[in-house]
C-alpha atoms as a PDB file:
ATOM      1  CA  MET A   1     -15.643  -2.089   9.233  1.00  0.00           C
ATOM      2  CA  SER A   2     -15.191   0.348   6.358  1.00  0.00           C
ATOM      3  CA  ASN A   3     -15.733  -0.536   2.718  1.00  0.00           C
ATOM      4  CA  LYS A   4     -11.993  -0.121   2.204  1.00  0.00           C
ATOM      5  CA  GLN A   5     -11.234  -2.770   4.840  1.00  0.00           C
ATOM      6  CA  GLU A   6     -13.832  -5.197   3.488  1.00  0.00           C
ATOM      7  CA  LYS A   7     -12.147  -5.544   0.103  1.00  0.00           C
ATOM      8  CA  SER A   8     -10.031  -8.654  -0.048  1.00  0.00           C
ATOM      9  CA  SER A   9      -6.651  -8.966  -1.676  1.00  0.00           C
ATOM     10  CA  PRO A  10      -4.566 -12.039  -2.448  1.00  0.00           C
ATOM     11  CA  LEU A  11      -1.662 -10.351  -0.696  1.00  0.00           C
ATOM     12  CA  ARG A  12      -3.620  -9.260   2.383  1.00  0.00           C
ATOM     13  CA  SER A  13      -3.041 -10.883   5.734  1.00  0.00           C
ATOM     14  CA  ASN A  14      -3.743  -9.641   9.240  1.00  0.00           C
ATOM     15  CA  ARG A  15      -2.329  -6.175   8.573  1.00  0.00           C
ATOM     16  CA  ALA A  16      -3.349  -2.543   8.447  1.00  0.00           C
ATOM     17  CA  SER A  17      -1.544   0.188   6.552  1.00  0.00           C
ATOM     18  CA  SER A  18      -1.965   3.909   6.011  1.00  0.00           C
ATOM     19  CA  ALA A  19      -0.239   6.782   4.260  1.00  0.00           C
ATOM     20  CA  TYR A  20       0.583   9.981   6.143  1.00  0.00           C
ATOM     21  CA  LYS A  21       1.150  13.597   5.081  1.00  0.00           C
ATOM     22  CA  SER A  22       2.995  16.165   7.176  1.00  0.00           C
ATOM     23  CA  LYS A  23       1.550  19.559   8.058  1.00  0.00           C
ATOM     24  CA  THR A  24       4.754  21.173   6.731  1.00  0.00           C
ATOM     25  CA  ASP A  25       5.305  23.152   3.555  1.00  0.00           C
ATOM     26  CA  PRO A  26       6.368  21.399   1.390  1.00  0.00           C
ATOM     27  CA  PRO A  27       4.610  18.304   2.710  1.00  0.00           C
ATOM     28  CA  MET A  28       6.465  15.097   3.459  1.00  0.00           C
ATOM     29  CA  TYR A  29       4.932  11.635   3.251  1.00  0.00           C
ATOM     30  CA  PHE A  30       5.444   8.167   4.654  1.00  0.00           C
ATOM     31  CA  ALA A  31       3.509   4.914   4.978  1.00  0.00           C
ATOM     32  CA  LYS A  32       3.047   2.740   8.038  1.00  0.00           C
ATOM     33  CA  CYS A  33       1.995  -0.895   8.204  1.00  0.00           C
ATOM     34  CA  TYR A  34       1.161  -3.027  11.231  1.00  0.00           C
ATOM     35  CA  LEU A  35       1.470  -6.754  10.608  1.00  0.00           C
ATOM     36  CA  ASP A  36      -0.188  -7.788  13.879  1.00  0.00           C
ATOM     37  CA  GLY A  37      -3.698  -6.547  13.103  1.00  0.00           C
ATOM     38  CA  ARG A  38      -3.514  -3.235  15.000  1.00  0.00           C
ATOM     39  CA  GLU A  39      -5.166  -0.245  13.358  1.00  0.00           C
ATOM     40  CA  THR A  40      -3.028   2.689  12.262  1.00  0.00           C
ATOM     41  CA  GLU A  41      -3.352   6.052  13.994  1.00  0.00           C
ATOM     42  CA  GLU A  42      -5.094   9.154  12.602  1.00  0.00           C
ATOM     43  CA  THR A  43      -2.189  11.421  13.633  1.00  0.00           C
ATOM     44  CA  ILE A  44       1.492  10.626  14.267  1.00  0.00           C
ATOM     45  CA  ILE A  45       4.264  12.861  15.555  1.00  0.00           C
ATOM     46  CA  LYS A  46       7.590  11.722  14.128  1.00  0.00           C
ATOM     47  CA  GLY A  47      10.803  13.682  14.597  1.00  0.00           C
ATOM     48  CA  GLY A  48       8.837  16.615  15.949  1.00  0.00           C
ATOM     49  CA  ILE A  49       6.687  16.798  12.799  1.00  0.00           C
ATOM     50  CA  THR A  50       2.934  16.126  12.866  1.00  0.00           C
ATOM     51  CA  TYR A  51       1.586  13.811  10.169  1.00  0.00           C
ATOM     52  CA  GLU A  52      -2.064  13.082   9.431  1.00  0.00           C
ATOM     53  CA  ARG A  53      -3.473  10.036   7.699  1.00  0.00           C
ATOM     54  CA  THR A  54      -4.266  10.745   4.049  1.00  0.00           C
ATOM     55  CA  ASP A  55      -5.827   8.999   1.063  1.00  0.00           C
ATOM     56  CA  TYR A  56      -3.752  10.988  -1.419  1.00  0.00           C
ATOM     57  CA  ILE A  57       0.013  11.109  -1.923  1.00  0.00           C
ATOM     58  CA  GLU A  58       1.502  13.372  -4.543  1.00  0.00           C
ATOM     59  CA  LEU A  59       4.531  11.898  -6.317  1.00  0.00           C
ATOM     60  CA  ASP A  60       6.817  13.758  -8.687  1.00  0.00           C
ATOM     61  CA  LEU A  61       7.853  10.731 -10.730  1.00  0.00           C
ATOM     62  CA  ASP A  62      10.146  12.821 -12.946  1.00  0.00           C
ATOM     63  CA  SER A  63      12.293  13.609  -9.914  1.00  0.00           C
ATOM     64  CA  ILE A  64      13.044   9.916  -9.237  1.00  0.00           C
ATOM     65  CA  PRO A  65      16.437   9.027 -10.759  1.00  0.00           C
ATOM     66  CA  GLN A  66      16.432   6.167 -13.262  1.00  0.00           C
ATOM     67  CA  HIS A  67      18.662   3.972 -11.075  1.00  0.00           C
ATOM     68  CA  VAL A  68      16.133   4.291  -8.223  1.00  0.00           C
ATOM     69  CA  ARG A  69      13.281   3.409 -10.600  1.00  0.00           C
ATOM     70  CA  ASP A  70      15.260   0.349 -11.684  1.00  0.00           C
ATOM     71  CA  ASP A  71      15.815  -0.699  -8.048  1.00  0.00           C
ATOM     72  CA  LEU A  72      12.108  -0.285  -7.267  1.00  0.00           C
ATOM     73  CA  SER A  73      11.137  -2.275 -10.351  1.00  0.00           C
ATOM     74  CA  ARG A  74      13.487  -5.121  -9.379  1.00  0.00           C
ATOM     75  CA  SER A  75      12.002  -5.191  -5.878  1.00  0.00           C
ATOM     76  CA  VAL A  76       8.446  -5.410  -7.210  1.00  0.00           C
ATOM     77  CA  LEU A  77       9.438  -8.134  -9.676  1.00  0.00           C
ATOM     78  CA  ILE A  78      11.001 -10.202  -6.866  1.00  0.00           C
ATOM     79  CA  ALA A  79       7.870  -9.819  -4.705  1.00  0.00           C
ATOM     80  CA  VAL A  80       5.571 -10.820  -7.583  1.00  0.00           C
ATOM     81  CA  LYS A  81       7.704 -13.888  -8.368  1.00  0.00           C
ATOM     82  CA  GLU A  82       7.658 -14.892  -4.690  1.00  0.00           C
ATOM     83  CA  PHE A  83       3.887 -14.492  -4.547  1.00  0.00           C
ATOM     84  CA  TYR A  84       3.257 -16.622  -7.628  1.00  0.00           C
ATOM     85  CA  ALA A  85       5.713 -19.282  -6.405  1.00  0.00           C
ATOM     86  CA  GLN A  86       3.302 -20.053  -3.540  1.00  0.00           C
ATOM     87  CA  PRO A  87       0.976 -23.008  -4.105  1.00  0.00           C
ATOM     88  CA  GLY A  88      -2.483 -21.816  -5.154  1.00  0.00           C
ATOM     89  CA  ALA A  89      -1.411 -18.190  -5.655  1.00  0.00           C
ATOM     90  CA  GLU A  90      -2.620 -17.950  -9.245  1.00  0.00           C
ATOM     91  CA  GLU A  91      -6.002 -19.389  -8.278  1.00  0.00           C
ATOM     92  CA  ARG A  92      -6.346 -16.991  -5.323  1.00  0.00           C
ATOM     93  CA  TYR A  93      -5.435 -14.077  -7.580  1.00  0.00           C
ATOM     94  CA  GLN A  94      -7.953 -15.084 -10.269  1.00  0.00           C
ATOM     95  CA  LYS A  95     -10.683 -15.434  -7.626  1.00  0.00           C
ATOM     96  CA  TRP A  96      -9.805 -12.000  -6.177  1.00  0.00           C
ATOM     97  CA  LEU A  97      -9.753 -10.460  -9.667  1.00  0.00           C
ATOM     98  CA  LYS A  98     -13.148 -11.934 -10.562  1.00  0.00           C
ATOM     99  CA  ASN A  99     -14.674 -10.581  -7.334  1.00  0.00           C
ATOM    100  CA  ARG A 100     -13.062  -7.197  -7.847  1.00  0.00           C
ATOM    101  CA  LYS A 101     -14.432  -6.911 -11.376  1.00  0.00           C
ATOM    102  CA  LYS A 102     -17.923  -7.705 -10.054  1.00  0.00           C
ATOM    103  CA  THR A 103     -17.780  -5.056  -7.336  1.00  0.00           C
ATOM    104  CA  SER A 104     -15.883  -2.408  -9.332  1.00  0.00           C
ATOM    105  CA  LYS A 105     -18.380  -1.976 -12.171  1.00  0.00           C
ATOM    106  CA  HIS A 106     -19.410   1.668 -12.396  1.00  0.00           C
END
């Protein structure tokens, strides 16, 4: 198990996710998540385009229209509210944060 997989998160369940970058110019990106515990693939062919797993995604935030930013922000706010509405969520988050601070000291 990699160091990346060992880190716990209050939002983590039995899932695996990865980001992918196409071999095209300009590159295209997408993310994939399995909720059933399967591991993601190193390479995916989607629509005739080959994508490879990557740890880096380049985003041009200035190109995102304000109305899209607003929609994304609303979606995140809803997800955060739903998370904290769960019994024990705040405690799980504080425990995760404490552990993360211990292991993240550089």
